[in-house]
Amino acid sequence: MSDDKPIEKMSFEEAIRALEDVVARLDGSEVALEESIKLYERGAKLKARCEAKLKEAEEKVAQITLNAEGQPTGTTPVEGL
């Protein structure tokens, strides 16, 4: 488990990889109780980071697909297709 980079600075891809690592370690039977608790807490923070990054992406997409008046754009089929 790499704790080098603070979770709040991780990209979505970094956070999801770290979360996958946490899940894999928790699935193993070789983790002591105290470490399991720390892993679970880290996993919860990583999950929150992933959710925040996804929400940011959704908001960016919404801005891209709405015109200045907030109306959807690009919904009309292109002629000749």
N, C-alpha and C. Protein backbone atom coordinates (compact mmCIF):
# COMPACT_ATOMS: atom_id res chain seq x y z
N MET A 1 0.86 -1.18 0.00
CA MET A 1 0.00 0.00 0.00
C MET A 1 0.89 1.23 0.00
N SER A 2 0.67 2.12 -0.93
CA SER A 2 1.49 3.33 -1.03
C SER A 2 0.72 4.50 -0.42
N ASP A 3 1.26 5.02 0.67
CA ASP A 3 0.64 6.16 1.34
C ASP A 3 1.40 7.44 1.06
N ASP A 4 2.24 7.44 0.02
CA ASP A 4 3.10 8.58 -0.27
C ASP A 4 2.30 9.84 -0.59
N LYS A 5 1.31 9.72 -1.43
CA LYS A 5 0.56 10.88 -1.91
C LYS A 5 -0.71 11.05 -1.07
N PRO A 6 -0.98 12.26 -0.61
CA PRO A 6 -2.22 12.49 0.14
C PRO A 6 -3.44 12.17 -0.74
N ILE A 7 -4.43 11.57 -0.14
CA ILE A 7 -5.63 11.16 -0.88
C ILE A 7 -6.27 12.35 -1.59
N GLU A 8 -6.31 13.50 -0.94
CA GLU A 8 -6.97 14.68 -1.54
C GLU A 8 -6.23 15.22 -2.76
N LYS A 9 -5.03 14.73 -3.00
CA LYS A 9 -4.26 15.15 -4.19
C LYS A 9 -4.27 14.09 -5.28
N MET A 10 -4.89 12.94 -5.03
CA MET A 10 -4.89 11.84 -6.00
C MET A 10 -5.87 12.11 -7.14
N SER A 11 -5.46 11.66 -8.33
CA SER A 11 -6.39 11.67 -9.46
C SER A 11 -7.40 10.54 -9.23
N PHE A 12 -8.43 10.50 -10.05
CA PHE A 12 -9.41 9.42 -9.94
C PHE A 12 -8.72 8.07 -10.12
N GLU A 13 -7.86 7.99 -11.13
CA GLU A 13 -7.20 6.72 -11.44
C GLU A 13 -6.30 6.26 -10.29
N GLU A 14 -5.58 7.20 -9.70
CA GLU A 14 -4.73 6.84 -8.56
C GLU A 14 -5.56 6.36 -7.38
N ALA A 15 -6.64 7.07 -7.11
CA ALA A 15 -7.50 6.71 -5.98
C ALA A 15 -8.17 5.37 -6.19
N ILE A 16 -8.61 5.08 -7.40
CA ILE A 16 -9.29 3.81 -7.64
C ILE A 16 -8.30 2.65 -7.53
N ARG A 17 -7.06 2.85 -8.00
CA ARG A 17 -6.04 1.80 -7.85
C ARG A 17 -5.73 1.55 -6.37
N ALA A 18 -5.61 2.64 -5.61
CA ALA A 18 -5.34 2.50 -4.18
C ALA A 18 -6.51 1.82 -3.47
N LEU A 19 -7.73 2.14 -3.89
CA LEU A 19 -8.91 1.51 -3.30
C LEU A 19 -8.94 0.02 -3.63
N GLU A 20 -8.60 -0.32 -4.86
CA GLU A 20 -8.53 -1.74 -5.24
C GLU A 20 -7.50 -2.48 -4.40
N ASP A 21 -6.38 -1.82 -4.11
CA ASP A 21 -5.35 -2.42 -3.27
C ASP A 21 -5.87 -2.66 -1.85
N VAL A 22 -6.59 -1.68 -1.32
CA VAL A 22 -7.17 -1.81 0.02
C VAL A 22 -8.14 -2.99 0.06
N VAL A 23 -9.01 -3.08 -0.93
CA VAL A 23 -9.99 -4.16 -0.98
C VAL A 23 -9.29 -5.52 -1.06
N ALA A 24 -8.26 -5.61 -1.89
CA ALA A 24 -7.53 -6.88 -2.04
C ALA A 24 -6.89 -7.27 -0.71
N ARG A 25 -6.33 -6.30 -0.01
CA ARG A 25 -5.69 -6.61 1.27
C ARG A 25 -6.71 -7.01 2.32
N LEU A 26 -7.87 -6.35 2.32
CA LEU A 26 -8.91 -6.70 3.27
C LEU A 26 -9.50 -8.08 2.97
N ASP A 27 -9.54 -8.45 1.70
CA ASP A 27 -10.05 -9.77 1.31
C ASP A 27 -9.12 -10.89 1.76
N GLY A 28 -7.84 -10.57 1.91
CA GLY A 28 -6.88 -11.57 2.37
C GLY A 28 -7.09 -11.87 3.85
N SER A 29 -6.66 -13.01 4.26
CA SER A 29 -6.87 -13.40 5.66
C SER A 29 -5.64 -13.13 6.52
N GLU A 30 -4.64 -12.47 5.96
CA GLU A 30 -3.38 -12.26 6.67
C GLU A 30 -3.30 -10.89 7.34
N VAL A 31 -4.38 -10.14 7.41
CA VAL A 31 -4.34 -8.78 7.95
C VAL A 31 -4.82 -8.79 9.40
N ALA A 32 -4.03 -8.20 10.28
CA ALA A 32 -4.39 -8.11 11.69
C ALA A 32 -5.57 -7.14 11.86
N LEU A 33 -6.26 -7.26 12.97
CA LEU A 33 -7.45 -6.45 13.23
C LEU A 33 -7.16 -4.96 13.17
N GLU A 34 -6.12 -4.49 13.84
CA GLU A 34 -5.80 -3.06 13.83
C GLU A 34 -5.49 -2.56 12.43
N GLU A 35 -4.75 -3.34 11.66
CA GLU A 35 -4.45 -2.94 10.28
C GLU A 35 -5.72 -2.95 9.43
N SER A 36 -6.60 -3.90 9.69
CA SER A 36 -7.88 -3.95 8.97
C SER A 36 -8.68 -2.69 9.19
N ILE A 37 -8.68 -2.21 10.41
CA ILE A 37 -9.42 -0.99 10.74
C ILE A 37 -8.81 0.20 9.99
N LYS A 38 -7.48 0.29 10.00
CA LYS A 38 -6.81 1.38 9.29
C LYS A 38 -7.09 1.29 7.78
N LEU A 39 -7.05 0.08 7.24
CA LEU A 39 -7.33 -0.10 5.81
C LEU A 39 -8.76 0.29 5.49
N TYR A 40 -9.70 -0.09 6.35
CA TYR A 40 -11.10 0.25 6.12
C TYR A 40 -11.29 1.77 6.12
N GLU A 41 -10.66 2.46 7.07
CA GLU A 41 -10.75 3.92 7.13
C GLU A 41 -10.16 4.55 5.87
N ARG A 42 -9.01 4.04 5.44
CA ARG A 42 -8.39 4.55 4.21
C ARG A 42 -9.30 4.29 3.01
N GLY A 43 -9.88 3.11 2.97
CA GLY A 43 -10.79 2.77 1.88
C GLY A 43 -11.98 3.71 1.81
N ALA A 44 -12.51 4.07 2.97
CA ALA A 44 -13.65 5.01 3.01
C ALA A 44 -13.24 6.37 2.45
N LYS A 45 -12.04 6.83 2.80
CA LYS A 45 -11.54 8.11 2.28
C LYS A 45 -11.30 8.03 0.77
N LEU A 46 -10.74 6.92 0.32
CA LEU A 46 -10.50 6.74 -1.12
C LEU A 46 -11.81 6.70 -1.89
N LYS A 47 -12.80 6.01 -1.34
CA LYS A 47 -14.12 5.95 -1.98
C LYS A 47 -14.72 7.35 -2.11
N ALA A 48 -14.60 8.13 -1.05
CA ALA A 48 -15.11 9.51 -1.08
C ALA A 48 -14.38 10.33 -2.15
N ARG A 49 -13.07 10.14 -2.26
CA ARG A 49 -12.28 10.85 -3.28
C ARG A 49 -12.75 10.48 -4.68
N CYS A 50 -12.95 9.18 -4.91
CA CYS A 50 -13.41 8.73 -6.23
C CYS A 50 -14.78 9.32 -6.55
N GLU A 51 -15.67 9.33 -5.58
CA GLU A 51 -17.00 9.90 -5.80
C GLU A 51 -16.92 11.39 -6.11
N ALA A 52 -16.04 12.11 -5.41
CA ALA A 52 -15.88 13.54 -5.65
C ALA A 52 -15.34 13.80 -7.06
N LYS A 53 -14.35 13.00 -7.48
CA LYS A 53 -13.78 13.18 -8.83
C LYS A 53 -14.82 12.85 -9.91
N LEU A 54 -15.64 11.84 -9.67
CA LEU A 54 -16.71 11.51 -10.64
C LEU A 54 -17.72 12.64 -10.72
N LYS A 55 -18.06 13.22 -9.58
CA LYS A 55 -19.01 14.34 -9.58
C LYS A 55 -18.44 15.53 -10.34
N GLU A 56 -17.14 15.81 -10.15
CA GLU A 56 -16.49 16.88 -10.91
C GLU A 56 -16.60 16.61 -12.41
N ALA A 57 -16.35 15.38 -12.81
CA ALA A 57 -16.41 15.03 -14.23
C ALA A 57 -17.83 15.20 -14.76
N GLU A 58 -18.83 14.76 -13.99
CA GLU A 58 -20.22 14.92 -14.41
C GLU A 58 -20.58 16.38 -14.60
N GLU A 59 -20.11 17.23 -13.69
CA GLU A 59 -20.39 18.66 -13.79
C GLU A 59 -19.72 19.27 -15.02
N LYS A 60 -18.51 18.83 -15.34
CA LYS A 60 -17.83 19.33 -16.53
C LYS A 60 -18.58 18.91 -17.79
N VAL A 61 -19.04 17.67 -17.83
CA VAL A 61 -19.80 17.19 -18.99
C VAL A 61 -21.10 17.99 -19.12
N ALA A 62 -21.76 18.24 -18.01
CA ALA A 62 -23.00 19.01 -18.05
C ALA A 62 -22.75 20.41 -18.61
N GLN A 63 -21.64 21.03 -18.25
CA GLN A 63 -21.31 22.35 -18.77
C GLN A 63 -21.02 22.30 -20.26
N ILE A 64 -20.36 21.25 -20.68
CA ILE A 64 -20.00 21.12 -22.10
C ILE A 64 -21.25 20.91 -22.94
N THR A 65 -22.22 20.16 -22.45
CA THR A 65 -23.37 19.81 -23.26
C THR A 65 -24.55 20.77 -23.10
N LEU A 66 -24.39 21.84 -22.32
CA LEU A 66 -25.43 22.85 -22.20
C LEU A 66 -24.93 24.16 -22.79
N ASN A 67 -25.81 24.86 -23.49
CA ASN A 67 -25.42 26.15 -24.04
C ASN A 67 -25.52 27.22 -22.94
N ALA A 68 -25.27 28.46 -23.29
CA ALA A 68 -25.25 29.55 -22.32
C ALA A 68 -26.59 29.73 -21.61
N GLU A 69 -27.67 29.35 -22.27
CA GLU A 69 -29.00 29.47 -21.66
C GLU A 69 -29.36 28.24 -20.85
N GLY A 70 -28.48 27.27 -20.79
CA GLY A 70 -28.74 26.05 -20.02
C GLY A 70 -29.54 25.01 -20.79
N GLN A 71 -29.72 25.24 -22.10
CA GLN A 71 -30.45 24.30 -22.92
C GLN A 71 -29.51 23.23 -23.46
N PRO A 72 -29.98 22.00 -23.56
CA PRO A 72 -29.13 20.94 -24.12
C PRO A 72 -28.75 21.27 -25.55
N THR A 73 -27.52 20.96 -25.92
CA THR A 73 -27.08 21.13 -27.29
C THR A 73 -26.59 19.80 -27.82
N GLY A 74 -26.56 19.69 -29.10
CA GLY A 74 -26.07 18.45 -29.72
C GLY A 74 -27.09 17.33 -29.69
N THR A 75 -28.34 17.65 -29.42
CA THR A 75 -29.36 16.61 -29.36
C THR A 75 -30.09 16.43 -30.70
N THR A 76 -29.89 17.36 -31.61
CA THR A 76 -30.55 17.26 -32.90
C THR A 76 -29.69 16.41 -33.84
N PRO A 77 -30.27 15.41 -34.49
CA PRO A 77 -29.47 14.60 -35.40
C PRO A 77 -28.86 15.43 -36.53
N VAL A 78 -27.66 15.10 -36.91
CA VAL A 78 -26.97 15.79 -37.98
C VAL A 78 -27.60 15.36 -39.30
N GLU A 79 -27.87 16.34 -40.18
CA GLU A 79 -28.44 16.05 -41.50
C GLU A 79 -27.53 15.10 -42.29
N GLY A 80 -28.12 14.16 -42.97
CA GLY A 80 -27.38 13.29 -43.87
C GLY A 80 -26.76 12.06 -43.21
N LEU A 81 -27.01 11.87 -41.94
CA LEU A 81 -26.44 10.67 -41.29
C LEU A 81 -27.46 9.58 -41.19
